C-alpha cells in the first residue's frame, strides 16, 4: 500500500513499512494481524456474501495492523467529513448557481472527493510509490525474487490493484442518495465487494481499472521510489522465510543500486 513518503506491504505473518529519510531507507517489520481462515472455515469464506464479510474484516485488521495505514485512514475520513460539511454550509449560505453546485456535490460527495483523491495520487509522490509498489510485486510474481532491474522492467499497472474497486464504489455511491433505508449503510459495502468479486476479472472491468491506474492513481516511479519498494518487499520476504523477525527498531539500509 502506497502512502505519502513510503510503502507498506502485508504478508501472511508479517507486514513491512518503509520510507526514505536523509538518503537512507528505513524498514519496519511488524507481526501481521491478518487472520487466515483454515479448514472448513476457509471454504465457507469463499461463499457469496460471506466472502464480502471476510474481505471487510480483513481490511479492518489491515488498518489496525499498521499505524501508518490507520493514521492515513483516520485522516482521510476527517477530511471527507469536513468536505461534506463545508459543501452543506456553502450551499445554504451562498445560494445562487454556486450554491446549487455545492448542494449537488453535498448530495454526491464522492465526486469532489474523487477529484481530490486523484489529484493527490497523480501529482504527489504517492502516485510514484503506488507505481513502484506494483512493479515490485509484479517482479516477485514473475521471477520469484525482487531486484531493482527486475522491477524496472515491470508494468506499473496491476490487475489486482485495490483502486480497481473504485469503479464499484463510485457506482454505488451515486445510487446511495436515492435509497432511504437504514440497513443500506452496511449493505452497500456487501454490494460493492460482491460486484467486484463477480465482475472484477471481466475484460471491461480490467480495462477500466487499467485506465484509472494509468492516468489517475499511479505515476512512473523514479529510482528512489523503486528502491524503497524493493527493499521493503525484500525485508518482508526475509521475515516470511524466517530469516529475520519483527523488531521495534527499523532496519536501516543504504540504497544499493
C-alpha atoms as a PDB file:
ATOM      1  CA  UNK A   1       0.000   0.000   0.000  1.00  0.00           C
ATOM      2  CA  UNK A   2       1.481   3.321  -1.079  1.00  0.00           C
ATOM      3  CA  UNK A   3       1.342   6.357   1.194  1.00  0.00           C
ATOM      4  CA  UNK A   4       2.986   9.742   1.407  1.00  0.00           C
ATOM      5  CA  UNK A   5       6.673   9.094   1.939  1.00  0.00           C
ATOM      6  CA  UNK A   6       6.709   5.302   1.769  1.00  0.00           C
ATOM      7  CA  UNK A   7       5.182   1.907   1.123  1.00  0.00           C
ATOM      8  CA  UNK A   8       3.564  -0.802   3.265  1.00  0.00           C
ATOM      9  CA  UNK A   9       3.447  -4.466   2.278  1.00  0.00           C
ATOM     10  CA  UNK A  10       1.405  -7.154   4.002  1.00  0.00           C
ATOM     11  CA  UNK A  11       2.214 -10.868   4.180  1.00  0.00           C
ATOM     12  CA  UNK A  12       0.597 -13.826   5.942  1.00  0.00           C
ATOM     13  CA  UNK A  13       2.719 -13.410   9.082  1.00  0.00           C
ATOM     14  CA  UNK A  14       4.389 -10.009   8.879  1.00  0.00           C
ATOM     15  CA  UNK A  15       3.964  -6.528   7.457  1.00  0.00           C
ATOM     16  CA  UNK A  16       6.650  -4.102   6.328  1.00  0.00           C
ATOM     17  CA  UNK A  17       6.637  -0.309   6.348  1.00  0.00           C
ATOM     18  CA  UNK A  18       9.403   1.524   4.511  1.00  0.00           C
ATOM     19  CA  UNK A  19      10.294   5.130   3.886  1.00  0.00           C
ATOM     20  CA  UNK A  20      13.221   7.210   2.671  1.00  0.00           C
ATOM     21  CA  UNK A  21      14.837   9.659   5.087  1.00  0.00           C
ATOM     22  CA  UNK A  22      18.029  11.623   4.502  1.00  0.00           C
ATOM     23  CA  UNK A  23      19.192   9.250   1.797  1.00  0.00           C
ATOM     24  CA  UNK A  24      18.611   6.151   3.952  1.00  0.00           C
ATOM     25  CA  UNK A  25      15.838   3.575   3.651  1.00  0.00           C
ATOM     26  CA  UNK A  26      14.114   2.706   6.929  1.00  0.00           C
ATOM     27  CA  UNK A  27      12.155  -0.555   7.037  1.00  0.00           C
ATOM     28  CA  UNK A  28       9.974  -1.596   9.970  1.00  0.00           C
ATOM     29  CA  UNK A  29       8.847  -5.220  10.292  1.00  0.00           C
ATOM     30  CA  UNK A  30       5.820  -5.948  12.462  1.00  0.00           C
ATOM     31  CA  UNK A  31       3.802  -9.110  13.137  1.00  0.00           C
ATOM     32  CA  UNK A  32       0.859  -9.245  10.779  1.00  0.00           C
ATOM     33  CA  UNK A  33      -2.616  -9.201  12.265  1.00  0.00           C
ATOM     34  CA  UNK A  34      -4.198 -10.633   9.121  1.00  0.00           C
ATOM     35  CA  UNK A  35      -6.188 -13.617  10.307  1.00  0.00           C
ATOM     36  CA  UNK A  36      -6.327 -16.510   7.834  1.00  0.00           C
ATOM     37  CA  UNK A  37      -9.340 -18.881   7.984  1.00  0.00           C
ATOM     38  CA  UNK A  38      -8.465 -22.564   7.827  1.00  0.00           C
ATOM     39  CA  UNK A  39     -10.222 -25.842   7.094  1.00  0.00           C
ATOM     40  CA  UNK A  40     -13.966 -25.714   6.612  1.00  0.00           C
ATOM     41  CA  UNK A  41     -13.979 -22.047   7.600  1.00  0.00           C
ATOM     42  CA  UNK A  42     -11.699 -21.295   4.649  1.00  0.00           C
ATOM     43  CA  UNK A  43     -14.231 -22.913   2.285  1.00  0.00           C
ATOM     44  CA  UNK A  44     -17.139 -21.070   3.887  1.00  0.00           C
ATOM     45  CA  UNK A  45     -15.245 -17.786   3.493  1.00  0.00           C
ATOM     46  CA  UNK A  46     -15.459 -18.229  -0.301  1.00  0.00           C
ATOM     47  CA  UNK A  47     -19.264 -18.309  -0.346  1.00  0.00           C
ATOM     48  CA  UNK A  48     -21.064 -15.280  -1.836  1.00  0.00           C
ATOM     49  CA  UNK A  49     -21.841 -12.563   0.709  1.00  0.00           C
ATOM     50  CA  UNK A  50     -19.807 -14.395   3.363  1.00  0.00           C
ATOM     51  CA  UNK A  51     -16.648 -13.643   1.359  1.00  0.00           C
ATOM     52  CA  UNK A  52     -17.535  -9.958   1.481  1.00  0.00           C
ATOM     53  CA  UNK A  53     -17.819 -10.053   5.260  1.00  0.00           C
ATOM     54  CA  UNK A  54     -14.380 -11.685   5.420  1.00  0.00           C
ATOM     55  CA  UNK A  55     -12.974  -9.122   2.973  1.00  0.00           C
ATOM     56  CA  UNK A  56     -14.036  -6.098   5.007  1.00  0.00           C
ATOM     57  CA  UNK A  57     -12.990  -7.811   8.221  1.00  0.00           C
ATOM     58  CA  UNK A  58      -9.512  -8.291   6.745  1.00  0.00           C
ATOM     59  CA  UNK A  59      -9.450  -4.652   5.663  1.00  0.00           C
ATOM     60  CA  UNK A  60     -10.235  -3.658   9.248  1.00  0.00           C
ATOM     61  CA  UNK A  61      -7.438  -5.878  10.573  1.00  0.00           C
ATOM     62  CA  UNK A  62      -5.084  -4.384   7.996  1.00  0.00           C
ATOM     63  CA  UNK A  63      -5.925  -0.900   9.215  1.00  0.00           C
ATOM     64  CA  UNK A  64      -5.279  -1.927  12.811  1.00  0.00           C
ATOM     65  CA  UNK A  65      -2.074  -3.758  11.843  1.00  0.00           C
ATOM     66  CA  UNK A  66      -0.156  -0.680  10.660  1.00  0.00           C
ATOM     67  CA  UNK A  67      -0.049   2.628  12.486  1.00  0.00           C
ATOM     68  CA  UNK A  68       0.761   4.399   9.221  1.00  0.00           C
ATOM     69  CA  UNK A  69      -2.259   2.945   7.447  1.00  0.00           C
ATOM     70  CA  UNK A  70      -4.509   3.653  10.434  1.00  0.00           C
ATOM     71  CA  UNK A  71      -3.377   7.272  10.707  1.00  0.00           C
ATOM     72  CA  UNK A  72      -3.827   7.747   6.955  1.00  0.00           C
ATOM     73  CA  UNK A  73      -7.326   6.248   7.068  1.00  0.00           C
ATOM     74  CA  UNK A  74      -8.446   8.375  10.024  1.00  0.00           C
ATOM     75  CA  UNK A  75      -7.015  11.475   8.362  1.00  0.00           C
ATOM     76  CA  UNK A  76      -8.851  10.731   5.122  1.00  0.00           C
ATOM     77  CA  UNK A  77     -12.143  10.185   6.964  1.00  0.00           C
ATOM     78  CA  UNK A  78     -11.772  13.514   8.790  1.00  0.00           C
ATOM     79  CA  UNK A  79     -11.027  15.337   5.539  1.00  0.00           C
ATOM     80  CA  UNK A  80     -14.020  13.726   3.823  1.00  0.00           C
ATOM     81  CA  UNK A  81     -16.334  14.702   6.666  1.00  0.00           C
ATOM     82  CA  UNK A  82     -15.063  18.287   6.540  1.00  0.00           C
ATOM     83  CA  UNK A  83     -15.596  18.426   2.770  1.00  0.00           C
ATOM     84  CA  UNK A  84     -19.230  17.346   3.091  1.00  0.00           C
ATOM     85  CA  UNK A  85     -19.879  19.757   5.960  1.00  0.00           C
ATOM     86  CA  UNK A  86     -18.314  22.664   4.063  1.00  0.00           C
ATOM     87  CA  UNK A  87     -20.400  21.937   0.988  1.00  0.00           C
ATOM     88  CA  UNK A  88     -23.552  21.754   3.096  1.00  0.00           C
ATOM     89  CA  UNK A  89     -22.686  25.063   4.747  1.00  0.00           C
ATOM     90  CA  UNK A  90     -21.770  26.696   1.436  1.00  0.00           C
ATOM     91  CA  UNK A  91     -24.955  25.594  -0.301  1.00  0.00           C
ATOM     92  CA  UNK A  92     -27.062  27.109   2.490  1.00  0.00           C
ATOM     93  CA  UNK A  93     -25.176  30.389   2.900  1.00  0.00           C
ATOM     94  CA  UNK A  94     -24.127  31.276  -0.650  1.00  0.00           C
ATOM     95  CA  UNK A  95     -27.173  30.468  -2.757  1.00  0.00           C
ATOM     96  CA  UNK A  96     -27.381  31.077  -6.494  1.00  0.00           C
ATOM     97  CA  UNK A  97     -25.612  28.909  -9.100  1.00  0.00           C
ATOM     98  CA  UNK A  98     -22.561  28.343  -6.891  1.00  0.00           C
ATOM     99  CA  UNK A  99     -24.768  27.295  -4.005  1.00  0.00           C
ATOM    100  CA  UNK A 100     -26.611  24.897  -6.328  1.00  0.00           C
ATOM    101  CA  UNK A 101     -23.293  23.350  -7.384  1.00  0.00           C
ATOM    102  CA  UNK A 102     -22.221  22.934  -3.767  1.00  0.00           C
ATOM    103  CA  UNK A 103     -25.612  21.412  -2.925  1.00  0.00           C
ATOM    104  CA  UNK A 104     -25.167  18.931  -5.796  1.00  0.00           C
ATOM    105  CA  UNK A 105     -21.723  17.963  -4.528  1.00  0.00           C
ATOM    106  CA  UNK A 106     -23.122  17.638  -0.991  1.00  0.00           C
ATOM    107  CA  UNK A 107     -25.621  15.085  -2.321  1.00  0.00           C
ATOM    108  CA  UNK A 108     -22.927  13.279  -4.323  1.00  0.00           C
ATOM    109  CA  UNK A 109     -19.773  13.915  -2.245  1.00  0.00           C
ATOM    110  CA  UNK A 110     -17.978  11.056  -4.000  1.00  0.00           C
ATOM    111  CA  UNK A 111     -17.365  13.359  -6.999  1.00  0.00           C
ATOM    112  CA  UNK A 112     -15.267  16.119  -5.359  1.00  0.00           C
ATOM    113  CA  UNK A 113     -13.695  13.501  -3.106  1.00  0.00           C
ATOM    114  CA  UNK A 114     -12.536  11.569  -6.176  1.00  0.00           C
ATOM    115  CA  UNK A 115     -11.094  14.722  -7.721  1.00  0.00           C
ATOM    116  CA  UNK A 116      -9.037  15.354  -4.576  1.00  0.00           C
ATOM    117  CA  UNK A 117      -8.031  11.699  -4.345  1.00  0.00           C
ATOM    118  CA  UNK A 118      -6.904  11.510  -7.965  1.00  0.00           C
ATOM    119  CA  UNK A 119      -5.018  14.803  -7.665  1.00  0.00           C
ATOM    120  CA  UNK A 120      -3.209  13.551  -4.557  1.00  0.00           C
ATOM    121  CA  UNK A 121      -2.334  10.253  -6.240  1.00  0.00           C
ATOM    122  CA  UNK A 122      -1.235  11.718  -9.559  1.00  0.00           C
ATOM    123  CA  UNK A 123       0.558  14.903  -8.579  1.00  0.00           C
ATOM    124  CA  UNK A 124       2.351  13.839  -5.394  1.00  0.00           C
ATOM    125  CA  UNK A 125       4.912  11.194  -4.529  1.00  0.00           C
ATOM    126  CA  UNK A 126       2.084   8.829  -3.534  1.00  0.00           C
ATOM    127  CA  UNK A 127       1.406   8.024  -7.186  1.00  0.00           C
ATOM    128  CA  UNK A 128       5.074   7.198  -7.793  1.00  0.00           C
ATOM    129  CA  UNK A 129       5.194   4.976  -4.723  1.00  0.00           C
ATOM    130  CA  UNK A 130       1.985   3.306  -5.905  1.00  0.00           C
ATOM    131  CA  UNK A 131       3.595   2.565  -9.263  1.00  0.00           C
ATOM    132  CA  UNK A 132       6.736   1.273  -7.520  1.00  0.00           C
ATOM    133  CA  UNK A 133       4.613  -0.990  -5.312  1.00  0.00           C
ATOM    134  CA  UNK A 134       3.023  -2.584  -8.383  1.00  0.00           C
ATOM    135  CA  UNK A 135       6.360  -3.025 -10.148  1.00  0.00           C
ATOM    136  CA  UNK A 136       7.971  -4.716  -7.132  1.00  0.00           C
ATOM    137  CA  UNK A 137       5.042  -7.121  -6.667  1.00  0.00           C
ATOM    138  CA  UNK A 138       4.962  -7.933 -10.395  1.00  0.00           C
ATOM    139  CA  UNK A 139       8.711  -8.649 -10.374  1.00  0.00           C
ATOM    140  CA  UNK A 140       8.319 -11.077  -7.479  1.00  0.00           C
ATOM    141  CA  UNK A 141       5.373 -12.805  -9.137  1.00  0.00           C
ATOM    142  CA  UNK A 142       7.340 -13.233 -12.364  1.00  0.00           C
ATOM    143  CA  UNK A 143      10.867 -14.012 -11.124  1.00  0.00           C
ATOM    144  CA  UNK A 144      10.370 -15.252  -7.554  1.00  0.00           C
ATOM    145  CA  UNK A 145      12.713 -12.515  -6.325  1.00  0.00           C
ATOM    146  CA  UNK A 146      12.796  -8.734  -6.257  1.00  0.00           C
ATOM    147  CA  UNK A 147      15.627  -6.664  -7.705  1.00  0.00           C
ATOM    148  CA  UNK A 148      15.724  -3.106  -8.971  1.00  0.00           C
ATOM    149  CA  UNK A 149      16.432  -4.207 -12.527  1.00  0.00           C
ATOM    150  CA  UNK A 150      13.624  -6.754 -12.448  1.00  0.00           C
ATOM    151  CA  UNK A 151      11.157  -4.231 -11.031  1.00  0.00           C
ATOM    152  CA  UNK A 152      12.123  -1.522 -13.529  1.00  0.00           C
ATOM    153  CA  UNK A 153      11.022  -3.727 -16.416  1.00  0.00           C
ATOM    154  CA  UNK A 154       7.568  -4.394 -14.974  1.00  0.00           C
ATOM    155  CA  UNK A 155       4.364  -2.506 -15.726  1.00  0.00           C
ATOM    156  CA  UNK A 156       3.088  -0.099 -13.103  1.00  0.00           C
ATOM    157  CA  UNK A 157      -0.436  -1.411 -13.781  1.00  0.00           C
ATOM    158  CA  UNK A 158      -1.552  -4.441 -11.775  1.00  0.00           C
ATOM    159  CA  UNK A 159      -4.760  -6.461 -12.271  1.00  0.00           C
ATOM    160  CA  UNK A 160      -5.305  -6.885  -8.518  1.00  0.00           C
ATOM    161  CA  UNK A 161      -4.829  -3.230  -7.603  1.00  0.00           C
ATOM    162  CA  UNK A 162      -7.169  -2.239  -4.802  1.00  0.00           C
ATOM    163  CA  UNK A 163      -8.057   1.015  -6.559  1.00  0.00           C
ATOM    164  CA  UNK A 164      -9.881  -1.040  -9.218  1.00  0.00           C
ATOM    165  CA  UNK A 165     -12.708  -1.408  -6.726  1.00  0.00           C
ATOM    166  CA  UNK A 166     -13.263   2.343  -7.152  1.00  0.00           C
ATOM    167  CA  UNK A 167     -15.423   1.502 -10.169  1.00  0.00           C
ATOM    168  CA  UNK A 168     -17.975  -0.158  -7.931  1.00  0.00           C
ATOM    169  CA  UNK A 169     -17.603   2.303  -5.053  1.00  0.00           C
ATOM    170  CA  UNK A 170     -18.446   5.169  -7.402  1.00  0.00           C
ATOM    171  CA  UNK A 171     -21.400   3.312  -8.932  1.00  0.00           C
ATOM    172  CA  UNK A 172     -22.928   2.511  -5.535  1.00  0.00           C
ATOM    173  CA  UNK A 173     -22.174   5.990  -4.166  1.00  0.00           C
ATOM    174  CA  UNK A 174     -24.155   7.590  -6.988  1.00  0.00           C
ATOM    175  CA  UNK A 175     -27.166   5.408  -6.150  1.00  0.00           C
ATOM    176  CA  UNK A 176     -26.963   5.670  -2.353  1.00  0.00           C
ATOM    177  CA  UNK A 177     -28.563   9.188  -2.002  1.00  0.00           C
ATOM    178  CA  UNK A 178     -31.747   7.768  -3.503  1.00  0.00           C
ATOM    179  CA  UNK A 179     -32.012   4.840  -1.057  1.00  0.00           C
ATOM    180  CA  UNK A 180     -33.719   5.849   2.162  1.00  0.00           C
ATOM    181  CA  UNK A 181     -33.193   2.630   4.075  1.00  0.00           C
ATOM    182  CA  UNK A 182     -31.066   2.467   7.236  1.00  0.00           C
ATOM    183  CA  UNK A 183     -29.588  -1.049   6.668  1.00  0.00           C
ATOM    184  CA  UNK A 184     -28.236   0.163   3.313  1.00  0.00           C
ATOM    185  CA  UNK A 185     -25.419   1.936   5.183  1.00  0.00           C
ATOM    186  CA  UNK A 186     -23.934  -1.520   5.843  1.00  0.00           C
ATOM    187  CA  UNK A 187     -25.342  -3.471   2.898  1.00  0.00           C
ATOM    188  CA  UNK A 188     -23.751  -1.129   0.377  1.00  0.00           C
ATOM    189  CA  UNK A 189     -20.327  -2.470   1.351  1.00  0.00           C
ATOM    190  CA  UNK A 190     -21.524  -6.009   0.639  1.00  0.00           C
ATOM    191  CA  UNK A 191     -22.912  -4.923  -2.742  1.00  0.00           C
ATOM    192  CA  UNK A 192     -19.628  -3.172  -3.640  1.00  0.00           C
ATOM    193  CA  UNK A 193     -17.439  -6.157  -2.817  1.00  0.00           C
ATOM    194  CA  UNK A 194     -19.784  -8.713  -4.395  1.00  0.00           C
ATOM    195  CA  UNK A 195     -19.837  -6.692  -7.613  1.00  0.00           C
ATOM    196  CA  UNK A 196     -16.035  -6.662  -7.503  1.00  0.00           C
ATOM    197  CA  UNK A 197     -15.857 -10.427  -6.916  1.00  0.00           C
ATOM    198  CA  UNK A 198     -18.281 -11.173  -9.758  1.00  0.00           C
ATOM    199  CA  UNK A 199     -17.259  -8.544 -12.313  1.00  0.00           C
ATOM    200  CA  UNK A 200     -13.741  -7.594 -11.277  1.00  0.00           C
ATOM    201  CA  UNK A 201     -11.989 -10.011 -13.646  1.00  0.00           C
ATOM    202  CA  UNK A 202     -14.066  -9.266 -16.715  1.00  0.00           C
ATOM    203  CA  UNK A 203     -12.338  -7.544 -19.622  1.00  0.00           C
ATOM    204  CA  UNK A 204     -14.398  -4.399 -19.246  1.00  0.00           C
ATOM    205  CA  UNK A 205     -13.635  -4.084 -15.532  1.00  0.00           C
ATOM    206  CA  UNK A 206      -9.910  -4.728 -16.043  1.00  0.00           C
ATOM    207  CA  UNK A 207      -9.775  -2.220 -18.910  1.00  0.00           C
ATOM    208  CA  UNK A 208     -11.445   0.486 -16.802  1.00  0.00           C
ATOM    209  CA  UNK A 209      -9.205  -0.370 -13.846  1.00  0.00           C
ATOM    210  CA  UNK A 210      -6.075  -0.146 -16.005  1.00  0.00           C
ATOM    211  CA  UNK A 211      -7.242   3.231 -17.326  1.00  0.00           C
ATOM    212  CA  UNK A 212      -7.752   4.519 -13.773  1.00  0.00           C
ATOM    213  CA  UNK A 213      -4.336   3.235 -12.715  1.00  0.00           C
ATOM    214  CA  UNK A 214      -2.518   4.593 -15.766  1.00  0.00           C
ATOM    215  CA  UNK A 215      -3.970   8.083 -15.809  1.00  0.00           C
ATOM    216  CA  UNK A 216      -5.212   8.728 -12.273  1.00  0.00           C
ATOM    217  CA  UNK A 217      -3.716   6.621  -9.464  1.00  0.00           C
ATOM    218  CA  UNK A 218      -0.150   5.742 -10.459  1.00  0.00           C
ATOM    219  CA  UNK A 219       2.830   7.563 -11.935  1.00  0.00           C
ATOM    220  CA  UNK A 220       6.067   6.159 -13.304  1.00  0.00           C
ATOM    221  CA  UNK A 221       8.332   5.778 -10.249  1.00  0.00           C
ATOM    222  CA  UNK A 222      11.820   7.178 -10.020  1.00  0.00           C
ATOM    223  CA  UNK A 223      14.841   5.256  -8.806  1.00  0.00           C
ATOM    224  CA  UNK A 224      14.363   6.192  -5.150  1.00  0.00           C
ATOM    225  CA  UNK A 225      10.714   5.073  -5.060  1.00  0.00           C
ATOM    226  CA  UNK A 226      11.653   1.774  -6.679  1.00  0.00           C
ATOM    227  CA  UNK A 227      14.484   1.246  -4.196  1.00  0.00           C
ATOM    228  CA  UNK A 228      12.122   1.792  -1.258  1.00  0.00           C
ATOM    229  CA  UNK A 229       9.608  -0.671  -2.731  1.00  0.00           C
ATOM    230  CA  UNK A 230      12.277  -3.296  -3.496  1.00  0.00           C
ATOM    231  CA  UNK A 231      13.868  -3.101  -0.047  1.00  0.00           C
ATOM    232  CA  UNK A 232      10.519  -3.097   1.729  1.00  0.00           C
ATOM    233  CA  UNK A 233       9.291  -6.187  -0.095  1.00  0.00           C
ATOM    234  CA  UNK A 234      12.641  -7.975   0.293  1.00  0.00           C
ATOM    235  CA  UNK A 235      12.660  -7.398   4.054  1.00  0.00           C
ATOM    236  CA  UNK A 236       9.094  -8.715   4.243  1.00  0.00           C
ATOM    237  CA  UNK A 237      10.098 -11.818   2.267  1.00  0.00           C
ATOM    238  CA  UNK A 238      13.068 -12.364   4.602  1.00  0.00           C
ATOM    239  CA  UNK A 239      10.728 -12.242   7.588  1.00  0.00           C
ATOM    240  CA  UNK A 240       8.256 -14.641   5.949  1.00  0.00           C
ATOM    241  CA  UNK A 241      11.118 -17.085   5.245  1.00  0.00           C
ATOM    242  CA  UNK A 242      12.166 -16.978   8.902  1.00  0.00           C
ATOM    243  CA  UNK A 243      15.449 -15.169   8.221  1.00  0.00           C
ATOM    244  CA  UNK A 244      14.508 -12.305  10.500  1.00  0.00           C
ATOM    245  CA  UNK A 245      11.728 -11.427  12.905  1.00  0.00           C
ATOM    246  CA  UNK A 246       9.761  -8.390  13.950  1.00  0.00           C
ATOM    247  CA  UNK A 247      11.626  -5.607  15.705  1.00  0.00           C
ATOM    248  CA  UNK A 248      10.726  -2.306  17.309  1.00  0.00           C
ATOM    249  CA  UNK A 249      13.681  -0.567  15.700  1.00  0.00           C
ATOM    250  CA  UNK A 250      13.736  -0.211  11.904  1.00  0.00           C
ATOM    251  CA  UNK A 251      16.287  -1.796   9.625  1.00  0.00           C
ATOM    252  CA  UNK A 252      18.469   0.984   8.253  1.00  0.00           C
ATOM    253  CA  UNK A 253      19.573   0.386   4.663  1.00  0.00           C
ATOM    254  CA  UNK A 254      21.676   2.367   2.256  1.00  0.00           C
ATOM    255  CA  UNK A 255      20.435   2.407  -1.340  1.00  0.00           C
ATOM    256  CA  UNK A 256      22.281  -0.442  -3.025  1.00  0.00           C
ATOM    257  CA  UNK A 257      21.531   0.083  -6.668  1.00  0.00           C
END
